[in-house]
Amino acid sequence: MKLQHVHKLDAEQPMVELQVNMSNALTRSAHGLSLAEKRIVAACIAKTDQMPNMTHVRERGAWSVRLSAADYADTFNVDMNTAYEQLQDASENLFNRYIRTTRKTRKGVEEYKFRWIGSARYHKGEGWVELDWWHEVVPHLFGLRREFTSYKLKQTSALRSSYSWRLLEVFQSWQDTGKYQPTIEDFCTAMDVPDSYRKDFKSIRTRVIEPAVDELIQKNNMLIKWDTVRAGRKVIGLEFKFSSNPQQRLAVDQE
């Protein structure tokens, strides 16, 4: 069985080189996070991606993780004032954020929600936020052996759209196939598309898909092609084909 990669503890290792790991089920669910909240949650996941199994998580207290304003500013290339503001705002908002999953049953769609964190602390004088993971999210973050999504924090550090970030994560969860073929409903759920956009596919295309695809092409050097799946004139699904850009990778290797 494939064992989740475990990083050697190294205080000198830049945060951008750390890995963000989560179950595919969590990746493909609705996250309900703003860009700043997404950055903080992902950075905290990366900081705790050094525990090989649940025993170590409990022994070493990895239920909690602290993120400093300095690390946040350095990782996401923002100034310190912005880092302080975003950490403080997130510490107030994250407690009310939740993950939403749905599944189809014979009697209709079943929806299940659970929180990201059980508590959050922000220390204004020292400039850090500390999160305690909610017990139901912990199995989706630690000790993963199969069906999990993994990427380096640096792959998202330059992104300025939560849609771009979410699309990258979903792509990573399907990286073995190089294809992502969701129904339009599943896509909107995974991307946290607001109800006002869902009424008109043009809004989804121009406000979600095209900007996200363009940013991933420009900032992550990805090759992406996408198309709609229709039933008559109605868009019922999407098909994405994606890969890294081999020419860009070669250019980087030669530097």
C-alpha atoms as a PDB file:
ATOM      1  CA  MET A   1       0.000   0.000   0.000  1.00  0.00           C
ATOM      2  CA  LYS A   2       1.190   3.485  -0.747  1.00  0.00           C
ATOM      3  CA  LEU A   3       2.235   5.295   2.435  1.00  0.00           C
ATOM      4  CA  GLN A   4       1.783   9.020   2.727  1.00  0.00           C
ATOM      5  CA  HIS A   5       5.082  10.841   2.340  1.00  0.00           C
ATOM      6  CA  VAL A   6       6.498  11.935   5.681  1.00  0.00           C
ATOM      7  CA  HIS A   7       8.896  14.854   5.831  1.00  0.00           C
ATOM      8  CA  LYS A   8      11.922  14.852   8.065  1.00  0.00           C
ATOM      9  CA  LEU A   9      11.579  17.522  10.717  1.00  0.00           C
ATOM     10  CA  ASP A  10      13.753  20.418   9.610  1.00  0.00           C
ATOM     11  CA  ALA A  11      13.392  23.860  11.134  1.00  0.00           C
ATOM     12  CA  GLU A  12      15.418  25.352   8.278  1.00  0.00           C
ATOM     13  CA  GLN A  13      13.213  23.972   5.521  1.00  0.00           C
ATOM     14  CA  PRO A  14      11.203  26.775   3.859  1.00  0.00           C
ATOM     15  CA  MET A  15       7.471  26.391   4.300  1.00  0.00           C
ATOM     16  CA  VAL A  16       6.892  26.533   0.551  1.00  0.00           C
ATOM     17  CA  GLU A  17       8.764  23.230   0.237  1.00  0.00           C
ATOM     18  CA  LEU A  18       6.412  21.445   2.633  1.00  0.00           C
ATOM     19  CA  GLN A  19       3.674  19.155   1.388  1.00  0.00           C
ATOM     20  CA  VAL A  20      -0.079  19.679   1.690  1.00  0.00           C
ATOM     21  CA  ASN A  21      -1.799  16.304   2.013  1.00  0.00           C
ATOM     22  CA  MET A  22      -5.492  15.560   2.382  1.00  0.00           C
ATOM     23  CA  SER A  23      -7.832  12.752   1.444  1.00  0.00           C
ATOM     24  CA  ASN A  24      -9.395  12.824  -2.008  1.00  0.00           C
ATOM     25  CA  ALA A  25     -12.807  12.883  -0.355  1.00  0.00           C
ATOM     26  CA  LEU A  26     -11.872  16.074   1.454  1.00  0.00           C
ATOM     27  CA  THR A  27     -10.264  17.605  -1.641  1.00  0.00           C
ATOM     28  CA  ARG A  28     -13.421  17.117  -3.693  1.00  0.00           C
ATOM     29  CA  SER A  29     -15.782  18.467  -1.045  1.00  0.00           C
ATOM     30  CA  ALA A  30     -16.917  22.068  -0.605  1.00  0.00           C
ATOM     31  CA  HIS A  31     -14.391  23.876   1.585  1.00  0.00           C
ATOM     32  CA  GLY A  32     -16.171  27.171   2.173  1.00  0.00           C
ATOM     33  CA  LEU A  33     -12.934  29.176   2.590  1.00  0.00           C
ATOM     34  CA  SER A  34     -11.857  32.587   1.343  1.00  0.00           C
ATOM     35  CA  LEU A  35      -8.417  32.881  -0.259  1.00  0.00           C
ATOM     36  CA  ALA A  36      -6.784  34.091   2.974  1.00  0.00           C
ATOM     37  CA  GLU A  37      -8.493  31.337   4.982  1.00  0.00           C
ATOM     38  CA  LYS A  38      -7.447  28.782   2.385  1.00  0.00           C
ATOM     39  CA  ARG A  39      -3.848  29.952   2.669  1.00  0.00           C
ATOM     40  CA  ILE A  40      -3.873  29.633   6.447  1.00  0.00           C
ATOM     41  CA  VAL A  41      -5.512  26.207   6.469  1.00  0.00           C
ATOM     42  CA  ALA A  42      -3.154  24.871   3.782  1.00  0.00           C
ATOM     43  CA  ALA A  43      -0.085  26.313   5.514  1.00  0.00           C
ATOM     44  CA  CYS A  44      -1.170  24.729   8.796  1.00  0.00           C
ATOM     45  CA  ILE A  45      -1.737  21.397   7.045  1.00  0.00           C
ATOM     46  CA  ALA A  46       1.763  21.675   5.565  1.00  0.00           C
ATOM     47  CA  LYS A  47       3.276  22.463   8.976  1.00  0.00           C
ATOM     48  CA  THR A  48       1.700  19.330  10.440  1.00  0.00           C
ATOM     49  CA  ASP A  49       2.676  17.103   7.519  1.00  0.00           C
ATOM     50  CA  GLN A  50       5.510  15.649   9.571  1.00  0.00           C
ATOM     51  CA  MET A  51       3.568  13.115  11.587  1.00  0.00           C
ATOM     52  CA  PRO A  52       3.562   9.597  10.069  1.00  0.00           C
ATOM     53  CA  ASN A  53       0.475   8.212  11.801  1.00  0.00           C
ATOM     54  CA  MET A  54      -2.272   8.937  14.298  1.00  0.00           C
ATOM     55  CA  THR A  55      -0.204   7.597  17.199  1.00  0.00           C
ATOM     56  CA  HIS A  56       2.440  10.231  16.559  1.00  0.00           C
ATOM     57  CA  VAL A  57      -0.243  12.862  16.082  1.00  0.00           C
ATOM     58  CA  ARG A  58      -1.619  12.166  19.555  1.00  0.00           C
ATOM     59  CA  GLU A  59       1.794  11.773  21.186  1.00  0.00           C
ATOM     60  CA  ARG A  60       3.218  14.987  19.757  1.00  0.00           C
ATOM     61  CA  GLY A  61       0.103  17.120  20.069  1.00  0.00           C
ATOM     62  CA  ALA A  62      -0.338  17.694  16.352  1.00  0.00           C
ATOM     63  CA  TRP A  63      -4.007  18.344  16.860  1.00  0.00           C
ATOM     64  CA  SER A  64      -2.821  21.945  17.228  1.00  0.00           C
ATOM     65  CA  VAL A  65      -0.615  23.925  14.875  1.00  0.00           C
ATOM     66  CA  ARG A  66       0.700  27.488  15.024  1.00  0.00           C
ATOM     67  CA  LEU A  67       1.347  29.784  12.050  1.00  0.00           C
ATOM     68  CA  SER A  68       3.270  33.042  12.437  1.00  0.00           C
ATOM     69  CA  ALA A  69       2.659  36.219  10.501  1.00  0.00           C
ATOM     70  CA  ALA A  70       6.296  36.127   9.362  1.00  0.00           C
ATOM     71  CA  ASP A  71       5.898  32.637   7.863  1.00  0.00           C
ATOM     72  CA  TYR A  72       2.618  33.655   6.242  1.00  0.00           C
ATOM     73  CA  ALA A  73       4.121  36.809   4.718  1.00  0.00           C
ATOM     74  CA  ASP A  74       7.186  34.957   3.428  1.00  0.00           C
ATOM     75  CA  THR A  75       5.216  32.031   1.986  1.00  0.00           C
ATOM     76  CA  PHE A  76       2.552  34.042   0.183  1.00  0.00           C
ATOM     77  CA  ASN A  77       4.648  37.102  -0.673  1.00  0.00           C
ATOM     78  CA  VAL A  78       2.580  39.684   1.207  1.00  0.00           C
ATOM     79  CA  ASP A  79       3.730  42.466   3.518  1.00  0.00           C
ATOM     80  CA  MET A  80       3.662  42.044   7.274  1.00  0.00           C
ATOM     81  CA  ASN A  81       0.691  44.354   7.809  1.00  0.00           C
ATOM     82  CA  THR A  82      -1.367  42.260   5.392  1.00  0.00           C
ATOM     83  CA  ALA A  83      -0.191  39.091   7.115  1.00  0.00           C
ATOM     84  CA  TYR A  84      -1.231  40.393  10.552  1.00  0.00           C
ATOM     85  CA  GLU A  85      -4.636  41.497   9.245  1.00  0.00           C
ATOM     86  CA  GLN A  86      -5.361  38.241   7.437  1.00  0.00           C
ATOM     87  CA  LEU A  87      -4.308  36.068  10.371  1.00  0.00           C
ATOM     88  CA  GLN A  88      -6.489  38.071  12.737  1.00  0.00           C
ATOM     89  CA  ASP A  89      -9.518  38.034  10.419  1.00  0.00           C
ATOM     90  CA  ALA A  90      -9.122  34.322   9.745  1.00  0.00           C
ATOM     91  CA  SER A  91      -8.877  33.477  13.435  1.00  0.00           C
ATOM     92  CA  GLU A  92     -12.304  35.069  13.842  1.00  0.00           C
ATOM     93  CA  ASN A  93     -13.874  33.481  10.756  1.00  0.00           C
ATOM     94  CA  LEU A  94     -12.394  29.990  10.596  1.00  0.00           C
ATOM     95  CA  PHE A  95     -14.314  28.694  13.590  1.00  0.00           C
ATOM     96  CA  ASN A  96     -17.535  29.097  11.610  1.00  0.00           C
ATOM     97  CA  ARG A  97     -16.224  27.531   8.393  1.00  0.00           C
ATOM     98  CA  TYR A  98     -17.209  23.987   7.558  1.00  0.00           C
ATOM     99  CA  ILE A  99     -16.674  21.263   4.977  1.00  0.00           C
ATOM    100  CA  ARG A 100     -19.747  20.089   3.107  1.00  0.00           C
ATOM    101  CA  THR A 101     -20.027  16.682   1.471  1.00  0.00           C
ATOM    102  CA  THR A 102     -22.940  15.213  -0.447  1.00  0.00           C
ATOM    103  CA  ARG A 103     -23.807  11.765  -1.686  1.00  0.00           C
ATOM    104  CA  LYS A 104     -26.701  10.418  -3.675  1.00  0.00           C
ATOM    105  CA  THR A 105     -28.941   7.846  -2.045  1.00  0.00           C
ATOM    106  CA  ARG A 106     -32.064   6.056  -3.197  1.00  0.00           C
ATOM    107  CA  LYS A 107     -34.113   8.542  -1.216  1.00  0.00           C
ATOM    108  CA  GLY A 108     -32.321  11.638  -2.442  1.00  0.00           C
ATOM    109  CA  VAL A 109     -29.163  13.611  -1.760  1.00  0.00           C
ATOM    110  CA  GLU A 110     -27.630  13.318   1.694  1.00  0.00           C
ATOM    111  CA  GLU A 111     -25.607  16.295   2.919  1.00  0.00           C
ATOM    112  CA  TYR A 112     -23.058  16.143   5.722  1.00  0.00           C
ATOM    113  CA  LYS A 113     -21.146  19.026   7.284  1.00  0.00           C
ATOM    114  CA  PHE A 114     -18.234  19.163   9.721  1.00  0.00           C
ATOM    115  CA  ARG A 115     -15.916  21.917  10.895  1.00  0.00           C
ATOM    116  CA  TRP A 116     -12.314  22.543   9.962  1.00  0.00           C
ATOM    117  CA  ILE A 117     -11.263  23.539  13.464  1.00  0.00           C
ATOM    118  CA  GLY A 118     -12.467  23.175  17.035  1.00  0.00           C
ATOM    119  CA  SER A 119     -10.822  26.376  18.246  1.00  0.00           C
ATOM    120  CA  ALA A 120      -8.591  29.216  17.085  1.00  0.00           C
ATOM    121  CA  ARG A 121      -6.330  31.585  18.966  1.00  0.00           C
ATOM    122  CA  TYR A 122      -4.757  34.774  17.677  1.00  0.00           C
ATOM    123  CA  HIS A 123      -1.972  36.493  19.614  1.00  0.00           C
ATOM    124  CA  LYS A 124      -1.875  40.076  18.403  1.00  0.00           C
ATOM    125  CA  GLY A 125       1.295  41.013  20.266  1.00  0.00           C
ATOM    126  CA  GLU A 126       3.335  38.082  18.946  1.00  0.00           C
ATOM    127  CA  GLY A 127       1.635  37.813  15.556  1.00  0.00           C
ATOM    128  CA  TRP A 128       0.546  34.193  15.319  1.00  0.00           C
ATOM    129  CA  VAL A 129      -2.590  32.133  14.923  1.00  0.00           C
ATOM    130  CA  GLU A 130      -3.003  28.680  16.437  1.00  0.00           C
ATOM    131  CA  LEU A 131      -5.599  26.213  15.167  1.00  0.00           C
ATOM    132  CA  ASP A 132      -6.931  23.060  16.780  1.00  0.00           C
ATOM    133  CA  TRP A 133      -8.137  20.663  14.087  1.00  0.00           C
ATOM    134  CA  TRP A 134     -11.688  19.389  14.502  1.00  0.00           C
ATOM    135  CA  HIS A 135     -11.635  15.689  15.375  1.00  0.00           C
ATOM    136  CA  GLU A 136     -13.648  14.707  12.278  1.00  0.00           C
ATOM    137  CA  VAL A 137     -11.206  16.352   9.877  1.00  0.00           C
ATOM    138  CA  VAL A 138      -8.080  14.791  11.416  1.00  0.00           C
ATOM    139  CA  PRO A 139      -8.446  11.382   9.654  1.00  0.00           C
ATOM    140  CA  HIS A 140      -8.571  13.295   6.344  1.00  0.00           C
ATOM    141  CA  LEU A 141      -5.195  14.946   7.067  1.00  0.00           C
ATOM    142  CA  PHE A 142      -2.988  12.473   8.928  1.00  0.00           C
ATOM    143  CA  GLY A 143      -1.743   8.941   8.327  1.00  0.00           C
ATOM    144  CA  LEU A 144      -3.112   8.780   4.786  1.00  0.00           C
ATOM    145  CA  ARG A 145      -2.218   5.575   2.929  1.00  0.00           C
ATOM    146  CA  ARG A 146      -4.311   5.705  -0.225  1.00  0.00           C
ATOM    147  CA  GLU A 147      -6.645   7.946  -2.201  1.00  0.00           C
ATOM    148  CA  PHE A 148      -5.097  11.196  -1.078  1.00  0.00           C
ATOM    149  CA  THR A 149      -4.136  14.452  -2.748  1.00  0.00           C
ATOM    150  CA  SER A 150      -0.641  15.855  -2.375  1.00  0.00           C
ATOM    151  CA  TYR A 151       1.070  19.026  -3.567  1.00  0.00           C
ATOM    152  CA  LYS A 152       3.779  21.402  -2.412  1.00  0.00           C
ATOM    153  CA  LEU A 153       2.692  24.637  -0.821  1.00  0.00           C
ATOM    154  CA  LYS A 154       4.810  26.542  -3.344  1.00  0.00           C
ATOM    155  CA  GLN A 155       2.471  25.388  -6.129  1.00  0.00           C
ATOM    156  CA  THR A 156      -0.207  27.655  -4.657  1.00  0.00           C
ATOM    157  CA  SER A 157       1.826  30.440  -3.045  1.00  0.00           C
ATOM    158  CA  ALA A 158       1.518  32.746  -6.067  1.00  0.00           C
ATOM    159  CA  LEU A 159      -2.185  32.130  -6.702  1.00  0.00           C
ATOM    160  CA  ARG A 160      -4.529  35.050  -6.133  1.00  0.00           C
ATOM    161  CA  SER A 161      -7.847  33.272  -6.649  1.00  0.00           C
ATOM    162  CA  SER A 162      -9.494  30.658  -4.450  1.00  0.00           C
ATOM    163  CA  TYR A 163     -11.011  29.141  -7.613  1.00  0.00           C
ATOM    164  CA  SER A 164      -7.536  28.593  -9.077  1.00  0.00           C
ATOM    165  CA  TRP A 165      -6.403  26.961  -5.853  1.00  0.00           C
ATOM    166  CA  ARG A 166      -9.410  24.677  -5.640  1.00  0.00           C
ATOM    167  CA  LEU A 167      -9.083  23.676  -9.297  1.00  0.00           C
ATOM    168  CA  LEU A 168      -5.405  22.825  -8.760  1.00  0.00           C
ATOM    169  CA  GLU A 169      -6.295  20.668  -5.765  1.00  0.00           C
ATOM    170  CA  VAL A 170      -8.980  18.800  -7.670  1.00  0.00           C
ATOM    171  CA  PHE A 171      -6.580  18.271 -10.588  1.00  0.00           C
ATOM    172  CA  GLN A 172      -4.032  16.849  -8.152  1.00  0.00           C
ATOM    173  CA  SER A 173      -6.625  14.394  -6.867  1.00  0.00           C
ATOM    174  CA  TRP A 174      -7.019  13.097 -10.443  1.00  0.00           C
ATOM    175  CA  GLN A 175      -3.374  13.410 -11.494  1.00  0.00           C
ATOM    176  CA  ASP A 176      -3.037   9.681 -12.216  1.00  0.00           C
ATOM    177  CA  THR A 177      -5.528  10.026 -15.078  1.00  0.00           C
ATOM    178  CA  GLY A 178      -4.821  13.578 -16.215  1.00  0.00           C
ATOM    179  CA  LYS A 179      -8.577  14.054 -16.566  1.00  0.00           C
ATOM    180  CA  TYR A 180     -11.248  15.643 -14.412  1.00  0.00           C
ATOM    181  CA  GLN A 181     -14.802  14.970 -15.592  1.00  0.00           C
ATOM    182  CA  PRO A 182     -17.313  16.310 -13.067  1.00  0.00           C
ATOM    183  CA  THR A 183     -20.996  16.929 -13.454  1.00  0.00           C
ATOM    184  CA  ILE A 184     -21.751  20.628 -13.373  1.00  0.00           C
ATOM    185  CA  GLU A 185     -23.260  20.155  -9.902  1.00  0.00           C
ATOM    186  CA  ASP A 186     -20.150  18.411  -8.564  1.00  0.00           C
ATOM    187  CA  PHE A 187     -17.903  21.062 -10.085  1.00  0.00           C
ATOM    188  CA  CYS A 188     -19.862  23.899  -8.516  1.00  0.00           C
ATOM    189  CA  THR A 189     -19.758  22.147  -5.149  1.00  0.00           C
ATOM    190  CA  ALA A 190     -15.998  21.563  -5.269  1.00  0.00           C
ATOM    191  CA  MET A 191     -15.322  25.145  -6.380  1.00  0.00           C
ATOM    192  CA  ASP A 192     -17.731  26.717  -3.871  1.00  0.00           C
ATOM    193  CA  VAL A 193     -19.496  28.464  -6.741  1.00  0.00           C
ATOM    194  CA  PRO A 194     -22.171  30.824  -5.357  1.00  0.00           C
ATOM    195  CA  ASP A 195     -25.804  30.166  -6.197  1.00  0.00           C
ATOM    196  CA  SER A 196     -26.017  33.414  -8.168  1.00  0.00           C
ATOM    197  CA  TYR A 197     -23.489  32.042 -10.694  1.00  0.00           C
ATOM    198  CA  ARG A 198     -25.107  28.626 -11.009  1.00  0.00           C
ATOM    199  CA  LYS A 199     -28.207  30.012 -12.688  1.00  0.00           C
ATOM    200  CA  ASP A 200     -26.257  30.860 -15.833  1.00  0.00           C
ATOM    201  CA  PHE A 201     -23.356  28.804 -17.196  1.00  0.00           C
ATOM    202  CA  LYS A 202     -21.853  31.929 -18.756  1.00  0.00           C
ATOM    203  CA  SER A 203     -21.189  33.240 -15.253  1.00  0.00           C
ATOM    204  CA  ILE A 204     -19.498  29.967 -14.279  1.00  0.00           C
ATOM    205  CA  ARG A 205     -17.387  30.068 -17.436  1.00  0.00           C
ATOM    206  CA  THR A 206     -16.314  33.732 -17.255  1.00  0.00           C
ATOM    207  CA  ARG A 207     -16.015  34.137 -13.485  1.00  0.00           C
ATOM    208  CA  VAL A 208     -14.764  30.737 -12.389  1.00  0.00           C
ATOM    209  CA  ILE A 209     -13.405  28.441 -15.103  1.00  0.00           C
ATOM    210  CA  GLU A 210     -11.594  30.800 -17.469  1.00  0.00           C
ATOM    211  CA  PRO A 211      -9.835  32.919 -14.797  1.00  0.00           C
ATOM    212  CA  ALA A 212      -8.788  29.800 -12.855  1.00  0.00           C
ATOM    213  CA  VAL A 213      -7.489  28.004 -15.939  1.00  0.00           C
ATOM    214  CA  ASP A 214      -5.618  31.104 -17.119  1.00  0.00           C
ATOM    215  CA  GLU A 215      -3.935  31.594 -13.741  1.00  0.00           C
ATOM    216  CA  LEU A 216      -2.860  27.947 -13.507  1.00  0.00           C
ATOM    217  CA  ILE A 217      -1.407  28.117 -17.013  1.00  0.00           C
ATOM    218  CA  GLN A 218       0.479  31.338 -16.291  1.00  0.00           C
ATOM    219  CA  LYS A 219       1.666  30.687 -12.745  1.00  0.00           C
ATOM    220  CA  ASN A 220       1.907  26.899 -12.544  1.00  0.00           C
ATOM    221  CA  ASN A 221       3.031  26.211 -16.101  1.00  0.00           C
ATOM    222  CA  MET A 222       0.224  23.755 -16.724  1.00  0.00           C
ATOM    223  CA  LEU A 223      -1.233  22.552 -19.992  1.00  0.00           C
ATOM    224  CA  ILE A 224      -5.015  22.608 -19.672  1.00  0.00           C
ATOM    225  CA  LYS A 225      -7.785  21.966 -22.153  1.00  0.00           C
ATOM    226  CA  TRP A 226     -11.432  21.901 -21.206  1.00  0.00           C
ATOM    227  CA  ASP A 227     -14.822  21.472 -22.813  1.00  0.00           C
ATOM    228  CA  THR A 228     -18.469  21.212 -21.859  1.00  0.00           C
ATOM    229  CA  VAL A 229     -20.672  18.122 -21.821  1.00  0.00           C
ATOM    230  CA  ARG A 230     -24.177  18.905 -23.011  1.00  0.00           C
ATOM    231  CA  ALA A 231     -27.591  17.328 -23.070  1.00  0.00           C
ATOM    232  CA  GLY A 232     -29.173  19.239 -25.917  1.00  0.00           C
ATOM    233  CA  ARG A 233     -28.382  22.876 -25.205  1.00  0.00           C
ATOM    234  CA  LYS A 234     -27.943  22.434 -21.462  1.00  0.00           C
ATOM    235  CA  VAL A 235     -24.464  22.079 -19.946  1.00  0.00           C
ATOM    236  CA  ILE A 236     -24.559  19.044 -17.664  1.00  0.00           C
ATOM    237  CA  GLY A 237     -20.842  18.420 -17.145  1.00  0.00           C
ATOM    238  CA  LEU A 238     -17.262  19.427 -17.858  1.00  0.00           C
ATOM    239  CA  GLU A 239     -14.157  17.676 -19.108  1.00  0.00           C
ATOM    240  CA  PHE A 240     -10.684  18.906 -18.217  1.00  0.00           C
ATOM    241  CA  LYS A 241      -7.457  17.445 -19.555  1.00  0.00           C
ATOM    242  CA  PHE A 242      -4.340  18.676 -17.770  1.00  0.00           C
ATOM    243  CA  SER A 243      -0.625  18.045 -17.365  1.00  0.00           C
ATOM    244  CA  SER A 244       2.549  19.875 -16.462  1.00  0.00           C
ATOM    245  CA  ASN A 245       4.312  21.720 -19.272  1.00  0.00           C
ATOM    246  CA  PRO A 246       7.330  19.560 -20.241  1.00  0.00           C
ATOM    247  CA  GLN A 247       9.031  22.419 -22.106  1.00  0.00           C
ATOM    248  CA  GLN A 248       8.800  24.673 -19.077  1.00  0.00           C
ATOM    249  CA  ARG A 249      10.075  21.924 -16.800  1.00  0.00           C
ATOM    250  CA  LEU A 250      13.028  21.348 -19.124  1.00  0.00           C
ATOM    251  CA  ALA A 251      13.813  25.053 -19.106  1.00  0.00           C
ATOM    252  CA  VAL A 252      13.809  25.088 -15.321  1.00  0.00           C
ATOM    253  CA  ASP A 253      16.039  21.994 -15.163  1.00  0.00           C
ATOM    254  CA  GLN A 254      18.588  23.619 -17.463  1.00  0.00           C
ATOM    255  CA  GLU A 255      18.932  26.778 -15.367  1.00  0.00           C
END
